[in-house]
C-alpha atoms as a PDB file:
ATOM      1  CA  MET A   1     -10.279 -45.493   8.663  1.00  0.00           C
ATOM      2  CA  THR A   2      -8.609 -42.971  11.456  1.00  0.00           C
ATOM      3  CA  THR A   3      -5.541 -42.700   9.868  1.00  0.00           C
ATOM      4  CA  ARG A   4      -7.483 -41.135   5.848  1.00  0.00           C
ATOM      5  CA  THR A   5     -10.004 -38.998   8.571  1.00  0.00           C
ATOM      6  CA  GLY A   6      -6.793 -37.493  10.154  1.00  0.00           C
ATOM      7  CA  ILE A   7      -5.059 -37.116   6.389  1.00  0.00           C
ATOM      8  CA  SER A   8      -8.202 -35.964   4.869  1.00  0.00           C
ATOM      9  CA  SER A   9      -8.618 -33.105   8.182  1.00  0.00           C
ATOM     10  CA  LEU A  10      -5.236 -32.396   8.116  1.00  0.00           C
ATOM     11  CA  THR A  11      -4.988 -32.041   4.434  1.00  0.00           C
ATOM     12  CA  ARG A  12      -8.670 -29.371   4.920  1.00  0.00           C
ATOM     13  CA  ARG A  13      -6.714 -27.541   7.348  1.00  0.00           C
ATOM     14  CA  ALA A  14      -3.360 -27.092   5.340  1.00  0.00           C
ATOM     15  CA  ALA A  15      -5.793 -25.707   2.187  1.00  0.00           C
ATOM     16  CA  GLY A  16      -7.435 -23.473   4.190  1.00  0.00           C
ATOM     17  CA  LEU A  17      -4.388 -22.007   5.846  1.00  0.00           C
ATOM     18  CA  LEU A  18      -2.667 -21.897   2.623  1.00  0.00           C
ATOM     19  CA  ALA A  19      -5.430 -19.620   0.308  1.00  0.00           C
ATOM     20  CA  PRO A  20      -5.168 -16.483   2.249  1.00  0.00           C
ATOM     21  CA  LEU A  21      -1.538 -16.156   1.664  1.00  0.00           C
ATOM     22  CA  ALA A  22      -2.046 -17.670  -1.879  1.00  0.00           C
ATOM     23  CA  LEU A  23      -4.767 -15.049  -2.702  1.00  0.00           C
ATOM     24  CA  GLY A  24      -2.063 -11.922  -0.562  1.00  0.00           C
ATOM     25  CA  ALA A  25       0.757 -13.063  -2.983  1.00  0.00           C
ATOM     26  CA  ALA A  26      -1.491 -12.364  -6.026  1.00  0.00           C
ATOM     27  CA  LEU A  27      -2.557  -9.035  -4.585  1.00  0.00           C
ATOM     28  CA  LEU A  28       0.740  -8.283  -4.053  1.00  0.00           C
ATOM     29  CA  ALA A  29       2.165  -8.927  -7.176  1.00  0.00           C
ATOM     30  CA  GLY A  30      -0.107  -6.330  -8.472  1.00  0.00           C
ATOM     31  CA  CYS A  31       1.636  -3.642  -7.200  1.00  0.00           C
ATOM     32  CA  SER A  32       4.353  -1.919  -9.315  1.00  0.00           C
ATOM     33  CA  SER A  33       6.100   1.208  -9.666  1.00  0.00           C
ATOM     34  CA  GLU A  34       7.698   4.032 -11.234  1.00  0.00           C
ATOM     35  CA  GLY A  35      10.904   5.864  -9.609  1.00  0.00           C
ATOM     36  CA  ALA A  36       9.310   4.703  -6.307  1.00  0.00           C
ATOM     37  CA  SER A  37       9.278   1.647  -4.139  1.00  0.00           C
ATOM     38  CA  THR A  38       6.171  -0.118  -2.498  1.00  0.00           C
ATOM     39  CA  ASP A  39       6.354  -2.233   0.906  1.00  0.00           C
ATOM     40  CA  CYS A  40       2.470  -3.535   0.930  1.00  0.00           C
ATOM     41  CA  GLY A  41       0.533  -5.508   2.907  1.00  0.00           C
ATOM     42  CA  LEU A  42      -3.405  -6.711   2.254  1.00  0.00           C
ATOM     43  CA  ASP A  43      -5.017  -3.105   3.337  1.00  0.00           C
ATOM     44  CA  ALA A  44      -1.440  -0.739   3.471  1.00  0.00           C
ATOM     45  CA  CYS A  45       1.572   0.186   1.268  1.00  0.00           C
ATOM     46  CA  THR A  46       4.108   2.301   2.334  1.00  0.00           C
ATOM     47  CA  ILE A  47       5.657   3.793  -0.867  1.00  0.00           C
ATOM     48  CA  THR A  48       9.337   5.597  -1.060  1.00  0.00           C
ATOM     49  CA  PHE A  49       9.062   7.857  -4.334  1.00  0.00           C
ATOM     50  CA  ASP A  50      12.640   9.149  -5.301  1.00  0.00           C
ATOM     51  CA  ARG A  51      12.240  12.865  -6.050  1.00  0.00           C
ATOM     52  CA  GLY A  52      13.223  15.179  -9.048  1.00  0.00           C
ATOM     53  CA  VAL A  53      11.665  12.281 -11.394  1.00  0.00           C
ATOM     54  CA  ASP A  54       7.852  11.362 -12.051  1.00  0.00           C
ATOM     55  CA  ALA A  55       7.710   9.565  -9.789  1.00  0.00           C
ATOM     56  CA  GLN A  56       4.270   6.995  -9.624  1.00  0.00           C
ATOM     57  CA  ALA A  57       3.468   3.417  -8.129  1.00  0.00           C
ATOM     58  CA  ASN A  58      -0.199   1.256  -9.022  1.00  0.00           C
ATOM     59  CA  ILE A  59      -0.901   0.335  -5.222  1.00  0.00           C
ATOM     60  CA  LEU A  60      -4.048  -1.534  -3.490  1.00  0.00           C
ATOM     61  CA  GLY A  61      -6.044  -1.052  -7.174  1.00  0.00           C
ATOM     62  CA  VAL A  62      -5.038   2.560  -7.124  1.00  0.00           C
ATOM     63  CA  LYS A  63      -2.537   5.055  -8.671  1.00  0.00           C
ATOM     64  CA  ALA A  64      -0.475   7.172  -6.421  1.00  0.00           C
ATOM     65  CA  LYS A  65       1.618   9.941  -7.617  1.00  0.00           C
ATOM     66  CA  LEU A  66       4.404  12.886  -6.088  1.00  0.00           C
ATOM     67  CA  ILE A  67       2.915  15.757  -7.253  1.00  0.00           C
ATOM     68  CA  GLY A  68       4.841  17.918  -5.877  1.00  0.00           C
ATOM     69  CA  ALA A  69       7.038  18.968  -2.271  1.00  0.00           C
ATOM     70  CA  GLU A  70       8.467  22.304  -0.453  1.00  0.00           C
ATOM     71  CA  GLY A  71      10.080  21.621   3.055  1.00  0.00           C
ATOM     72  CA  ASP A  72       8.196  19.682   5.064  1.00  0.00           C
ATOM     73  CA  GLN A  73       4.795  19.574   3.051  1.00  0.00           C
ATOM     74  CA  VAL A  74       4.182  17.354   0.093  1.00  0.00           C
ATOM     75  CA  THR A  75       1.323  17.180  -2.726  1.00  0.00           C
ATOM     76  CA  VAL A  76       0.149  13.517  -3.437  1.00  0.00           C
ATOM     77  CA  GLU A  77      -2.349  12.457  -5.786  1.00  0.00           C
ATOM     78  CA  VAL A  78      -4.413   8.660  -5.181  1.00  0.00           C
ATOM     79  CA  ALA A  79      -6.718   7.366  -6.712  1.00  0.00           C
ATOM     80  CA  GLY A  80      -7.954  10.630  -8.862  1.00  0.00           C
ATOM     81  CA  GLU A  81      -7.617  12.779  -5.553  1.00  0.00           C
ATOM     82  CA  ARG A  82      -5.032  15.582  -4.629  1.00  0.00           C
ATOM     83  CA  VAL A  83      -4.164  16.237  -0.827  1.00  0.00           C
ATOM     84  CA  SER A  84      -1.746  18.342   0.494  1.00  0.00           C
ATOM     85  CA  LEU A  85       0.061  16.484   3.621  1.00  0.00           C
ATOM     86  CA  THR A  86       2.671  18.080   6.373  1.00  0.00           C
ATOM     87  CA  THR A  87       5.054  15.298   8.402  1.00  0.00           C
ATOM     88  CA  GLY A  88       3.042  15.042  11.854  1.00  0.00           C
ATOM     89  CA  GLN A  89      -0.365  15.784  10.688  1.00  0.00           C
ATOM     90  CA  GLN A  90      -3.211  13.176  11.008  1.00  0.00           C
ATOM     91  CA  ALA A  91      -4.175  10.694   8.225  1.00  0.00           C
ATOM     92  CA  ALA A  92      -6.155  12.634   4.919  1.00  0.00           C
ATOM     93  CA  GLU A  93      -8.957  10.810   3.797  1.00  0.00           C
ATOM     94  CA  VAL A  94      -8.697  10.533  -0.256  1.00  0.00           C
ATOM     95  CA  GLY A  95     -11.042   8.080  -2.471  1.00  0.00           C
ATOM     96  CA  GLY A  96     -11.456   5.661   0.224  1.00  0.00           C
ATOM     97  CA  PHE A  97      -8.266   5.953   1.834  1.00  0.00           C
ATOM     98  CA  ALA A  98      -6.347   6.816   4.679  1.00  0.00           C
ATOM     99  CA  VAL A  99      -2.928   8.451   3.554  1.00  0.00           C
ATOM    100  CA  THR A 100      -0.484   9.960   6.113  1.00  0.00           C
ATOM    101  CA  LEU A 101       3.146  11.470   5.305  1.00  0.00           C
ATOM    102  CA  ASP A 102       5.765   9.722   7.295  1.00  0.00           C
ATOM    103  CA  SER A 103       8.796  11.325   6.337  1.00  0.00           C
ATOM    104  CA  VAL A 104      10.388  14.106   3.550  1.00  0.00           C
ATOM    105  CA  THR A 105      14.169  14.339   2.854  1.00  0.00           C
ATOM    106  CA  ASP A 106      16.141  16.065  -0.188  1.00  0.00           C
ATOM    107  CA  GLN A 107      16.633  12.373  -1.685  1.00  0.00           C
ATOM    108  CA  GLU A 108      12.720  10.638  -1.367  1.00  0.00           C
ATOM    109  CA  VAL A 109       9.840  11.390  -0.111  1.00  0.00           C
ATOM    110  CA  LYS A 110       7.205   8.660   2.068  1.00  0.00           C
ATOM    111  CA  ILE A 111       3.953   8.032   2.762  1.00  0.00           C
ATOM    112  CA  ARG A 112       1.789   5.646   4.205  1.00  0.00           C
ATOM    113  CA  VAL A 113      -1.511   4.816   1.792  1.00  0.00           C
ATOM    114  CA  ALA A 114      -3.855   2.151   3.354  1.00  0.00           C
ATOM    115  CA  ARG A 115      -7.631   1.072   3.110  1.00  0.00           C
ATOM    116  CA  ASN A 116      -9.922   3.534   5.072  1.00  0.00           C
ATOM    117  CA  PRO A 117     -12.075   1.285   7.010  1.00  0.00           C
ATOM    118  CA  ASN A 118     -14.819   3.947   6.915  1.00  0.00           C
ATOM    119  CA  GLY A 119     -14.654   4.336   3.220  1.00  0.00           C
END
């Protein structure tokens, strides 16, 4: 009897550990992009937009789109709201997300979009 209880307990523990991993994989599989690449976790994504193309990504259930970039300032649209960002500024709240500009080069723009715990 001890062996059966031990196996049953182990099986429940393993199932409890694997369920969140499966959910996470399903959520991450929902990300898509055009002219951009994404690196996502459960509550945040880093998006690298290619400049000079119509770049957009669907992440965390919303669309993020590069509108324009000039110098160290970019305009992005996240969850249907536009915001201008500058490298090094604090996160801007946009549609329940905290959005920051990580870097700007001649070839790409990298932003971070995170679920806002207050939003």
